[in-house]
Amino acid sequence: MSNEASIKLNYVLSEDCVLSERETECLSLVAVGYSNLHGANVLNISKGMFKKNLKDVFDKLYVGDRSYAVVKAIRFGILTYDMVDRVLLKYNLQPRDVQRSS
């Protein structure tokens, strides 16, 4: 296998890459530490629908995981801190404390 084949391509986002309101809500909840289950409960949707919305975000951003989706969306201005704050206010939420194991 050549080095060229092992290099993961970094796709450039199109200028019209826009997240839907629901996708923005899901990604905002992920950004502040909510799990799929807790995020789904907040939005009053199924866990499966929450995961589908995140997969749609992953596809639009050309990423494979939650953390990279948040970082890339913020980096490219697709998700802003103001958007996250509006979602938190809309649902009267606080960022979750992420528990780390030692």
PDB file of N, CA and C in Angstrom:
ATOM      1  N   MET A   1       0.847  -1.176   0.000  1.00  0.00           N
ATOM      2  CA  MET A   1       0.000   0.000   0.000  1.00  0.00           C
ATOM      3  C   MET A   1       0.891   1.237   0.000  1.00  0.00           C
ATOM      4  N   SER A   2       0.681   2.108  -0.945  1.00  0.00           N
ATOM      5  CA  SER A   2       1.525   3.291  -1.045  1.00  0.00           C
ATOM      6  C   SER A   2       1.137   4.336  -0.013  1.00  0.00           C
ATOM      7  N   ASN A   3       2.057   5.253   0.238  1.00  0.00           N
ATOM      8  CA  ASN A   3       1.765   6.331   1.180  1.00  0.00           C
ATOM      9  C   ASN A   3       0.589   7.173   0.710  1.00  0.00           C
ATOM     10  N   GLU A   4       0.482   7.330  -0.606  1.00  0.00           N
ATOM     11  CA  GLU A   4      -0.611   8.119  -1.156  1.00  0.00           C
ATOM     12  C   GLU A   4      -1.961   7.515  -0.797  1.00  0.00           C
ATOM     13  N   ALA A   5      -2.050   6.202  -0.831  1.00  0.00           N
ATOM     14  CA  ALA A   5      -3.307   5.531  -0.535  1.00  0.00           C
ATOM     15  C   ALA A   5      -3.663   5.616   0.944  1.00  0.00           C
ATOM     16  N   SER A   6      -2.667   5.769   1.802  1.00  0.00           N
ATOM     17  CA  SER A   6      -2.951   5.804   3.234  1.00  0.00           C
ATOM     18  C   SER A   6      -3.237   7.207   3.748  1.00  0.00           C
ATOM     19  N   ILE A   7      -3.086   8.208   2.893  1.00  0.00           N
ATOM     20  CA  ILE A   7      -3.355   9.576   3.309  1.00  0.00           C
ATOM     21  C   ILE A   7      -4.854   9.831   3.245  1.00  0.00           C
ATOM     22  N   LYS A   8      -5.427  10.289   4.361  1.00  0.00           N
ATOM     23  CA  LYS A   8      -6.849  10.609   4.388  1.00  0.00           C
ATOM     24  C   LYS A   8      -7.038  11.998   3.787  1.00  0.00           C
ATOM     25  N   LEU A   9      -7.915  12.080   2.807  1.00  0.00           N
ATOM     26  CA  LEU A   9      -8.153  13.361   2.166  1.00  0.00           C
ATOM     27  C   LEU A   9      -8.892  14.301   3.106  1.00  0.00           C
ATOM     28  N   ASN A  10      -8.504  15.561   3.102  1.00  0.00           N
ATOM     29  CA  ASN A  10      -9.195  16.575   3.879  1.00  0.00           C
ATOM     30  C   ASN A  10     -10.038  17.389   2.908  1.00  0.00           C
ATOM     31  N   TYR A  11     -11.323  17.124   2.888  1.00  0.00           N
ATOM     32  CA  TYR A  11     -12.209  17.768   1.935  1.00  0.00           C
ATOM     33  C   TYR A  11     -12.444  19.221   2.308  1.00  0.00           C
ATOM     34  N   VAL A  12     -12.582  20.043   1.312  1.00  0.00           N
ATOM     35  CA  VAL A  12     -12.900  21.451   1.502  1.00  0.00           C
ATOM     36  C   VAL A  12     -14.414  21.586   1.491  1.00  0.00           C
ATOM     37  N   LEU A  13     -14.933  22.301   2.456  1.00  0.00           N
ATOM     38  CA  LEU A  13     -16.375  22.498   2.524  1.00  0.00           C
ATOM     39  C   LEU A  13     -16.810  23.499   1.461  1.00  0.00           C
ATOM     40  N   SER A  14     -17.965  23.247   0.899  1.00  0.00           N
ATOM     41  CA  SER A  14     -18.493  24.215  -0.062  1.00  0.00           C
ATOM     42  C   SER A  14     -19.003  25.431   0.698  1.00  0.00           C
ATOM     43  N   GLU A  15     -19.057  26.559   0.008  1.00  0.00           N
ATOM     44  CA  GLU A  15     -19.498  27.792   0.651  1.00  0.00           C
ATOM     45  C   GLU A  15     -20.954  27.718   1.082  1.00  0.00           C
ATOM     46  N   ASP A  16     -21.729  26.836   0.469  1.00  0.00           N
ATOM     47  CA  ASP A  16     -23.143  26.754   0.812  1.00  0.00           C
ATOM     48  C   ASP A  16     -23.448  25.640   1.815  1.00  0.00           C
ATOM     49  N   CYS A  17     -22.444  25.182   2.541  1.00  0.00           N
ATOM     50  CA  CYS A  17     -22.657  24.155   3.566  1.00  0.00           C
ATOM     51  C   CYS A  17     -23.394  24.794   4.738  1.00  0.00           C
ATOM     52  N   VAL A  18     -24.647  24.424   4.889  1.00  0.00           N
ATOM     53  CA  VAL A  18     -25.482  24.991   5.932  1.00  0.00           C
ATOM     54  C   VAL A  18     -26.154  23.849   6.678  1.00  0.00           C
ATOM     55  N   LEU A  19     -26.182  23.955   7.989  1.00  0.00           N
ATOM     56  CA  LEU A  19     -26.872  22.963   8.804  1.00  0.00           C
ATOM     57  C   LEU A  19     -28.310  23.404   9.009  1.00  0.00           C
ATOM     58  N   SER A  20     -29.212  22.434   9.049  1.00  0.00           N
ATOM     59  CA  SER A  20     -30.608  22.748   9.353  1.00  0.00           C
ATOM     60  C   SER A  20     -30.704  23.169  10.823  1.00  0.00           C
ATOM     61  N   GLU A  21     -31.851  23.713  11.178  1.00  0.00           N
ATOM     62  CA  GLU A  21     -32.052  24.133  12.570  1.00  0.00           C
ATOM     63  C   GLU A  21     -31.890  22.939  13.516  1.00  0.00           C
ATOM     64  N   ARG A  22     -32.463  21.795  13.148  1.00  0.00           N
ATOM     65  CA  ARG A  22     -32.373  20.616  14.017  1.00  0.00           C
ATOM     66  C   ARG A  22     -30.946  20.100  14.090  1.00  0.00           C
ATOM     67  N   GLU A  23     -30.231  20.099  12.973  1.00  0.00           N
ATOM     68  CA  GLU A  23     -28.827  19.672  12.982  1.00  0.00           C
ATOM     69  C   GLU A  23     -27.994  20.598  13.857  1.00  0.00           C
ATOM     70  N   THR A  24     -28.274  21.890  13.790  1.00  0.00           N
ATOM     71  CA  THR A  24     -27.561  22.858  14.630  1.00  0.00           C
ATOM     72  C   THR A  24     -27.852  22.606  16.100  1.00  0.00           C
ATOM     73  N   GLU A  25     -29.108  22.306  16.414  1.00  0.00           N
ATOM     74  CA  GLU A  25     -29.457  22.008  17.806  1.00  0.00           C
ATOM     75  C   GLU A  25     -28.718  20.765  18.295  1.00  0.00           C
ATOM     76  N   CYS A  26     -28.717  19.720  17.490  1.00  0.00           N
ATOM     77  CA  CYS A  26     -28.030  18.478  17.876  1.00  0.00           C
ATOM     78  C   CYS A  26     -26.535  18.716  18.076  1.00  0.00           C
ATOM     79  N   LEU A  27     -25.907  19.384  17.134  1.00  0.00           N
ATOM     80  CA  LEU A  27     -24.471  19.630  17.234  1.00  0.00           C
ATOM     81  C   LEU A  27     -24.151  20.557  18.402  1.00  0.00           C
ATOM     82  N   SER A  28     -25.011  21.513  18.679  1.00  0.00           N
ATOM     83  CA  SER A  28     -24.814  22.406  19.824  1.00  0.00           C
ATOM     84  C   SER A  28     -24.846  21.625  21.131  1.00  0.00           C
ATOM     85  N   LEU A  29     -25.779  20.696  21.244  1.00  0.00           N
ATOM     86  CA  LEU A  29     -25.860  19.883  22.463  1.00  0.00           C
ATOM     87  C   LEU A  29     -24.626  18.994  22.610  1.00  0.00           C
ATOM     88  N   VAL A  30     -24.150  18.462  21.505  1.00  0.00           N
ATOM     89  CA  VAL A  30     -22.916  17.677  21.533  1.00  0.00           C
ATOM     90  C   VAL A  30     -21.753  18.562  21.970  1.00  0.00           C
ATOM     91  N   ALA A  31     -21.728  19.791  21.471  1.00  0.00           N
ATOM     92  CA  ALA A  31     -20.627  20.712  21.781  1.00  0.00           C
ATOM     93  C   ALA A  31     -20.522  21.024  23.267  1.00  0.00           C
ATOM     94  N   VAL A  32     -21.639  20.987  23.968  1.00  0.00           N
ATOM     95  CA  VAL A  32     -21.609  21.301  25.402  1.00  0.00           C
ATOM     96  C   VAL A  32     -21.678  20.054  26.284  1.00  0.00           C
ATOM     97  N   GLY A  33     -21.494  18.879  25.671  1.00  0.00           N
ATOM     98  CA  GLY A  33     -21.314  17.669  26.465  1.00  0.00           C
ATOM     99  C   GLY A  33     -22.493  16.735  26.609  1.00  0.00           C
ATOM    100  N   TYR A  34     -23.557  16.950  25.847  1.00  0.00           N
ATOM    101  CA  TYR A  34     -24.709  16.067  25.961  1.00  0.00           C
ATOM    102  C   TYR A  34     -24.486  14.789  25.153  1.00  0.00           C
ATOM    103  N   SER A  35     -24.902  13.665  25.724  1.00  0.00           N
ATOM    104  CA  SER A  35     -24.842  12.382  25.020  1.00  0.00           C
ATOM    105  C   SER A  35     -25.996  12.322  24.016  1.00  0.00           C
ATOM    106  N   ASN A  36     -25.981  11.316  23.170  1.00  0.00           N
ATOM    107  CA  ASN A  36     -27.076  11.132  22.222  1.00  0.00           C
ATOM    108  C   ASN A  36     -28.408  10.979  22.950  1.00  0.00           C
ATOM    109  N   LEU A  37     -28.421  10.192  24.005  1.00  0.00           N
ATOM    110  CA  LEU A  37     -29.659   9.953  24.746  1.00  0.00           C
ATOM    111  C   LEU A  37     -30.162  11.229  25.416  1.00  0.00           C
ATOM    112  N   HIS A  38     -29.269  11.940  26.103  1.00  0.00           N
ATOM    113  CA  HIS A  38     -29.689  13.165  26.778  1.00  0.00           C
ATOM    114  C   HIS A  38     -30.095  14.245  25.776  1.00  0.00           C
ATOM    115  N   GLY A  39     -29.367  14.348  24.677  1.00  0.00           N
ATOM    116  CA  GLY A  39     -29.724  15.306  23.639  1.00  0.00           C
ATOM    117  C   GLY A  39     -31.089  15.004  23.042  1.00  0.00           C
ATOM    118  N   ALA A  40     -31.346  13.723  22.791  1.00  0.00           N
ATOM    119  CA  ALA A  40     -32.641  13.309  22.242  1.00  0.00           C
ATOM    120  C   ALA A  40     -33.765  13.651  23.215  1.00  0.00           C
ATOM    121  N   ASN A  41     -33.522  13.425  24.500  1.00  0.00           N
ATOM    122  CA  ASN A  41     -34.543  13.750  25.510  1.00  0.00           C
ATOM    123  C   ASN A  41     -34.833  15.244  25.540  1.00  0.00           C
ATOM    124  N   VAL A  42     -33.803  16.060  25.443  1.00  0.00           N
ATOM    125  CA  VAL A  42     -33.982  17.516  25.443  1.00  0.00           C
ATOM    126  C   VAL A  42     -34.832  17.943  24.246  1.00  0.00           C
ATOM    127  N   LEU A  43     -34.529  17.394  23.075  1.00  0.00           N
ATOM    128  CA  LEU A  43     -35.223  17.780  21.847  1.00  0.00           C
ATOM    129  C   LEU A  43     -36.537  17.041  21.647  1.00  0.00           C
ATOM    130  N   ASN A  44     -36.838  16.111  22.556  1.00  0.00           N
ATOM    131  CA  ASN A  44     -38.060  15.317  22.496  1.00  0.00           C
ATOM    132  C   ASN A  44     -38.158  14.526  21.186  1.00  0.00           C
ATOM    133  N   ILE A  45     -37.033  13.901  20.824  1.00  0.00           N
ATOM    134  CA  ILE A  45     -36.981  13.022  19.664  1.00  0.00           C
ATOM    135  C   ILE A  45     -36.355  11.709  20.108  1.00  0.00           C
ATOM    136  N   SER A  46     -36.400  10.709  19.253  1.00  0.00           N
ATOM    137  CA  SER A  46     -35.790   9.427  19.603  1.00  0.00           C
ATOM    138  C   SER A  46     -34.268   9.526  19.519  1.00  0.00           C
ATOM    139  N   LYS A  47     -33.608   8.620  20.226  1.00  0.00           N
ATOM    140  CA  LYS A  47     -32.149   8.568  20.168  1.00  0.00           C
ATOM    141  C   LYS A  47     -31.699   8.284  18.735  1.00  0.00           C
ATOM    142  N   GLY A  48     -32.429   7.432  18.034  1.00  0.00           N
ATOM    143  CA  GLY A  48     -32.107   7.109  16.646  1.00  0.00           C
ATOM    144  C   GLY A  48     -32.193   8.330  15.741  1.00  0.00           C
ATOM    145  N   MET A  49     -33.198   9.168  15.954  1.00  0.00           N
ATOM    146  CA  MET A  49     -33.343  10.384  15.145  1.00  0.00           C
ATOM    147  C   MET A  49     -32.219  11.372  15.467  1.00  0.00           C
ATOM    148  N   PHE A  50     -31.835  11.454  16.734  1.00  0.00           N
ATOM    149  CA  PHE A  50     -30.718  12.316  17.123  1.00  0.00           C
ATOM    150  C   PHE A  50     -29.446  11.863  16.401  1.00  0.00           C
ATOM    151  N   LYS A  51     -29.206  10.544  16.409  1.00  0.00           N
ATOM    152  CA  LYS A  51     -28.021   9.999  15.750  1.00  0.00           C
ATOM    153  C   LYS A  51     -28.075  10.223  14.237  1.00  0.00           C
ATOM    154  N   LYS A  52     -29.266  10.120  13.643  1.00  0.00           N
ATOM    155  CA  LYS A  52     -29.405  10.368  12.210  1.00  0.00           C
ATOM    156  C   LYS A  52     -29.072  11.821  11.893  1.00  0.00           C
ATOM    157  N   ASN A  53     -29.543  12.747  12.719  1.00  0.00           N
ATOM    158  CA  ASN A  53     -29.221  14.161  12.506  1.00  0.00           C
ATOM    159  C   ASN A  53     -27.714  14.386  12.593  1.00  0.00           C
ATOM    160  N   LEU A  54     -27.054  13.736  13.549  1.00  0.00           N
ATOM    161  CA  LEU A  54     -25.600  13.875  13.661  1.00  0.00           C
ATOM    162  C   LEU A  54     -24.901  13.261  12.451  1.00  0.00           C
ATOM    163  N   LYS A  55     -25.403  12.128  11.959  1.00  0.00           N
ATOM    164  CA  LYS A  55     -24.796  11.529  10.774  1.00  0.00           C
ATOM    165  C   LYS A  55     -24.919  12.460   9.574  1.00  0.00           C
ATOM    166  N   ASP A  56     -26.050  13.133   9.464  1.00  0.00           N
ATOM    167  CA  ASP A  56     -26.226  14.106   8.382  1.00  0.00           C
ATOM    168  C   ASP A  56     -25.204  15.239   8.511  1.00  0.00           C
ATOM    169  N   VAL A  57     -24.942  15.667   9.749  1.00  0.00           N
ATOM    170  CA  VAL A  57     -23.923  16.695   9.999  1.00  0.00           C
ATOM    171  C   VAL A  57     -22.553  16.163   9.589  1.00  0.00           C
ATOM    172  N   PHE A  58     -22.237  14.932  10.000  1.00  0.00           N
ATOM    173  CA  PHE A  58     -20.950  14.329   9.649  1.00  0.00           C
ATOM    174  C   PHE A  58     -20.768  14.304   8.138  1.00  0.00           C
ATOM    175  N   ASP A  59     -21.832  13.924   7.419  1.00  0.00           N
ATOM    176  CA  ASP A  59     -21.759  13.852   5.960  1.00  0.00           C
ATOM    177  C   ASP A  59     -21.515  15.231   5.348  1.00  0.00           C
ATOM    178  N   LYS A  60     -22.183  16.242   5.874  1.00  0.00           N
ATOM    179  CA  LYS A  60     -22.010  17.594   5.338  1.00  0.00           C
ATOM    180  C   LYS A  60     -20.615  18.145   5.613  1.00  0.00           C
ATOM    181  N   LEU A  61     -20.045  17.761   6.758  1.00  0.00           N
ATOM    182  CA  LEU A  61     -18.738  18.288   7.160  1.00  0.00           C
ATOM    183  C   LEU A  61     -17.579  17.370   6.781  1.00  0.00           C
ATOM    184  N   TYR A  62     -17.886  16.209   6.214  1.00  0.00           N
ATOM    185  CA  TYR A  62     -16.855  15.223   5.849  1.00  0.00           C
ATOM    186  C   TYR A  62     -16.020  14.826   7.060  1.00  0.00           C
ATOM    187  N   VAL A  63     -16.707  14.450   8.144  1.00  0.00           N
ATOM    188  CA  VAL A  63     -16.023  14.002   9.359  1.00  0.00           C
ATOM    189  C   VAL A  63     -16.615  12.674   9.792  1.00  0.00           C
ATOM    190  N   GLY A  64     -15.935  12.026  10.721  1.00  0.00           N
ATOM    191  CA  GLY A  64     -16.400  10.721  11.176  1.00  0.00           C
ATOM    192  C   GLY A  64     -16.716  10.636  12.649  1.00  0.00           C
ATOM    193  N   ASP A  65     -16.532  11.730  13.389  1.00  0.00           N
ATOM    194  CA  ASP A  65     -16.858  11.652  14.811  1.00  0.00           C
ATOM    195  C   ASP A  65     -17.357  12.990  15.351  1.00  0.00           C
ATOM    196  N   ARG A  66     -17.930  12.921  16.541  1.00  0.00           N
ATOM    197  CA  ARG A  66     -18.590  14.066  17.173  1.00  0.00           C
ATOM    198  C   ARG A  66     -17.628  15.218  17.451  1.00  0.00           C
ATOM    199  N   SER A  67     -16.493  14.891  18.018  1.00  0.00           N
ATOM    200  CA  SER A  67     -15.541  15.935  18.393  1.00  0.00           C
ATOM    201  C   SER A  67     -15.056  16.710  17.175  1.00  0.00           C
ATOM    202  N   TYR A  68     -14.687  15.970  16.132  1.00  0.00           N
ATOM    203  CA  TYR A  68     -14.186  16.618  14.931  1.00  0.00           C
ATOM    204  C   TYR A  68     -15.290  17.436  14.262  1.00  0.00           C
ATOM    205  N   ALA A  69     -16.534  16.967  14.347  1.00  0.00           N
ATOM    206  CA  ALA A  69     -17.657  17.716  13.773  1.00  0.00           C
ATOM    207  C   ALA A  69     -17.788  19.076  14.455  1.00  0.00           C
ATOM    208  N   VAL A  70     -17.714  19.094  15.770  1.00  0.00           N
ATOM    209  CA  VAL A  70     -17.825  20.351  16.514  1.00  0.00           C
ATOM    210  C   VAL A  70     -16.669  21.280  16.161  1.00  0.00           C
ATOM    211  N   VAL A  71     -15.456  20.749  16.198  1.00  0.00           N
ATOM    212  CA  VAL A  71     -14.272  21.569  15.917  1.00  0.00           C
ATOM    213  C   VAL A  71     -14.339  22.141  14.506  1.00  0.00           C
ATOM    214  N   LYS A  72     -14.648  21.301  13.532  1.00  0.00           N
ATOM    215  CA  LYS A  72     -14.664  21.751  12.145  1.00  0.00           C
ATOM    216  C   LYS A  72     -15.791  22.754  11.905  1.00  0.00           C
ATOM    217  N   ALA A  73     -16.959  22.516  12.502  1.00  0.00           N
ATOM    218  CA  ALA A  73     -18.085  23.439  12.325  1.00  0.00           C
ATOM    219  C   ALA A  73     -17.763  24.807  12.907  1.00  0.00           C
ATOM    220  N   ILE A  74     -17.102  24.844  14.053  1.00  0.00           N
ATOM    221  CA  ILE A  74     -16.722  26.119  14.664  1.00  0.00           C
ATOM    222  C   ILE A  74     -15.624  26.772  13.835  1.00  0.00           C
ATOM    223  N   ARG A  75     -14.644  25.988  13.428  1.00  0.00           N
ATOM    224  CA  ARG A  75     -13.527  26.525  12.650  1.00  0.00           C
ATOM    225  C   ARG A  75     -13.984  27.198  11.358  1.00  0.00           C
ATOM    226  N   PHE A  76     -14.974  26.608  10.699  1.00  0.00           N
ATOM    227  CA  PHE A  76     -15.448  27.145   9.433  1.00  0.00           C
ATOM    228  C   PHE A  76     -16.641  28.091   9.599  1.00  0.00           C
ATOM    229  N   GLY A  77     -17.011  28.408  10.845  1.00  0.00           N
ATOM    230  CA  GLY A  77     -18.086  29.361  11.087  1.00  0.00           C
ATOM    231  C   GLY A  77     -19.480  28.834  10.837  1.00  0.00           C
ATOM    232  N   ILE A  78     -19.608  27.512  10.710  1.00  0.00           N
ATOM    233  CA  ILE A  78     -20.915  26.900  10.489  1.00  0.00           C
ATOM    234  C   ILE A  78     -21.680  26.812  11.806  1.00  0.00           C
ATOM    235  N   LEU A  79     -20.957  26.666  12.889  1.00  0.00           N
ATOM    236  CA  LEU A  79     -21.520  26.677  14.230  1.00  0.00           C
ATOM    237  C   LEU A  79     -20.768  27.744  15.016  1.00  0.00           C
ATOM    238  N   THR A  80     -21.502  28.654  15.627  1.00  0.00           N
ATOM    239  CA  THR A  80     -20.864  29.709  16.422  1.00  0.00           C
ATOM    240  C   THR A  80     -21.255  29.550  17.884  1.00  0.00           C
ATOM    241  N   TYR A  81     -20.496  30.201  18.734  1.00  0.00           N
ATOM    242  CA  TYR A  81     -20.814  30.160  20.159  1.00  0.00           C
ATOM    243  C   TYR A  81     -22.170  30.808  20.424  1.00  0.00           C
ATOM    244  N   ASP A  82     -22.522  31.814  19.649  1.00  0.00           N
ATOM    245  CA  ASP A  82     -23.844  32.440  19.794  1.00  0.00           C
ATOM    246  C   ASP A  82     -24.957  31.457  19.464  1.00  0.00           C
ATOM    247  N   MET A  83     -24.748  30.635  18.432  1.00  0.00           N
ATOM    248  CA  MET A  83     -25.751  29.622  18.082  1.00  0.00           C
ATOM    249  C   MET A  83     -25.930  28.637  19.230  1.00  0.00           C
ATOM    250  N   VAL A  84     -24.819  28.202  19.800  1.00  0.00           N
ATOM    251  CA  VAL A  84     -24.867  27.257  20.916  1.00  0.00           C
ATOM    252  C   VAL A  84     -25.607  27.896  22.085  1.00  0.00           C
ATOM    253  N   ASP A  85     -25.286  29.147  22.402  1.00  0.00           N
ATOM    254  CA  ASP A  85     -25.957  29.847  23.498  1.00  0.00           C
ATOM    255  C   ASP A  85     -27.458  29.965  23.259  1.00  0.00           C
ATOM    256  N   ARG A  86     -27.858  30.234  22.007  1.00  0.00           N
ATOM    257  CA  ARG A  86     -29.287  30.338  21.698  1.00  0.00           C
ATOM    258  C   ARG A  86     -30.008  29.011  21.912  1.00  0.00           C
ATOM    259  N   VAL A  87     -29.349  27.912  21.554  1.00  0.00           N
ATOM    260  CA  VAL A  87     -29.949  26.593  21.777  1.00  0.00           C
ATOM    261  C   VAL A  87     -30.097  26.334  23.276  1.00  0.00           C
ATOM    262  N   LEU A  88     -29.071  26.660  24.038  1.00  0.00           N
ATOM    263  CA  LEU A  88     -29.138  26.463  25.486  1.00  0.00           C
ATOM    264  C   LEU A  88     -30.254  27.299  26.100  1.00  0.00           C
ATOM    265  N   LEU A  89     -30.388  28.553  25.653  1.00  0.00           N
ATOM    266  CA  LEU A  89     -31.455  29.413  26.169  1.00  0.00           C
ATOM    267  C   LEU A  89     -32.834  28.903  25.751  1.00  0.00           C
ATOM    268  N   LYS A  90     -32.948  28.455  24.501  1.00  0.00           N
ATOM    269  CA  LYS A  90     -34.232  27.973  23.985  1.00  0.00           C
ATOM    270  C   LYS A  90     -34.780  26.828  24.843  1.00  0.00           C
ATOM    271  N   TYR A  91     -33.890  25.948  25.271  1.00  0.00           N
ATOM    272  CA  TYR A  91     -34.306  24.779  26.050  1.00  0.00           C
ATOM    273  C   TYR A  91     -34.006  24.925  27.538  1.00  0.00           C
ATOM    274  N   ASN A  92     -33.590  26.135  27.956  1.00  0.00           N
ATOM    275  CA  ASN A  92     -33.299  26.421  29.361  1.00  0.00           C
ATOM    276  C   ASN A  92     -32.312  25.414  29.948  1.00  0.00           C
ATOM    277  N   LEU A  93     -31.163  25.293  29.293  1.00  0.00           N
ATOM    278  CA  LEU A  93     -30.160  24.291  29.656  1.00  0.00           C
ATOM    279  C   LEU A  93     -28.863  24.923  30.119  1.00  0.00           C
ATOM    280  N   GLN A  94     -28.074  24.112  30.775  1.00  0.00           N
ATOM    281  CA  GLN A  94     -26.716  24.457  31.149  1.00  0.00           C
ATOM    282  C   GLN A  94     -25.780  23.437  30.500  1.00  0.00           C
ATOM    283  N   PRO A  95     -24.536  23.825  30.198  1.00  0.00           N
ATOM    284  CA  PRO A  95     -23.575  22.825  29.699  1.00  0.00           C
ATOM    285  C   PRO A  95     -23.422  21.711  30.716  1.00  0.00           C
ATOM    286  N   ARG A  96     -23.289  20.491  30.223  1.00  0.00           N
ATOM    287  CA  ARG A  96     -23.129  19.342  31.128  1.00  0.00           C
ATOM    288  C   ARG A  96     -21.691  19.218  31.565  1.00  0.00           C
ATOM    289  N   ASP A  97     -21.505  18.770  32.799  1.00  0.00           N
ATOM    290  CA  ASP A  97     -20.164  18.466  33.269  1.00  0.00           C
ATOM    291  C   ASP A  97     -19.749  17.115  32.696  1.00  0.00           C
ATOM    292  N   VAL A  98     -18.667  17.111  31.986  1.00  0.00           N
ATOM    293  CA  VAL A  98     -18.193  15.873  31.383  1.00  0.00           C
ATOM    294  C   VAL A  98     -17.347  15.148  32.420  1.00  0.00           C
ATOM    295  N   GLN A  99     -17.730  13.927  32.724  1.00  0.00           N
ATOM    296  CA  GLN A  99     -17.006  13.137  33.706  1.00  0.00           C
ATOM    297  C   GLN A  99     -15.845  12.436  33.027  1.00  0.00           C
ATOM    298  N   ARG A 100     -14.671  12.587  33.595  1.00  0.00           N
ATOM    299  CA  ARG A 100     -13.503  11.910  33.044  1.00  0.00           C
ATOM    300  C   ARG A 100     -13.039  10.839  34.022  1.00  0.00           C
ATOM    301  N   SER A 101     -12.663   9.719  33.459  1.00  0.00           N
ATOM    302  CA  SER A 101     -12.117   8.669  34.310  1.00  0.00           C
ATOM    303  C   SER A 101     -10.610   8.820  34.345  1.00  0.00           C
ATOM    304  N   SER A 102     -10.003   8.473  35.479  1.00  0.00           N
ATOM    305  CA  SER A 102      -8.560   8.634  35.594  1.00  0.00           C
ATOM    306  C   SER A 102      -7.809   7.480  35.017  1.00  0.00           C
TER     307      SER A 102
END
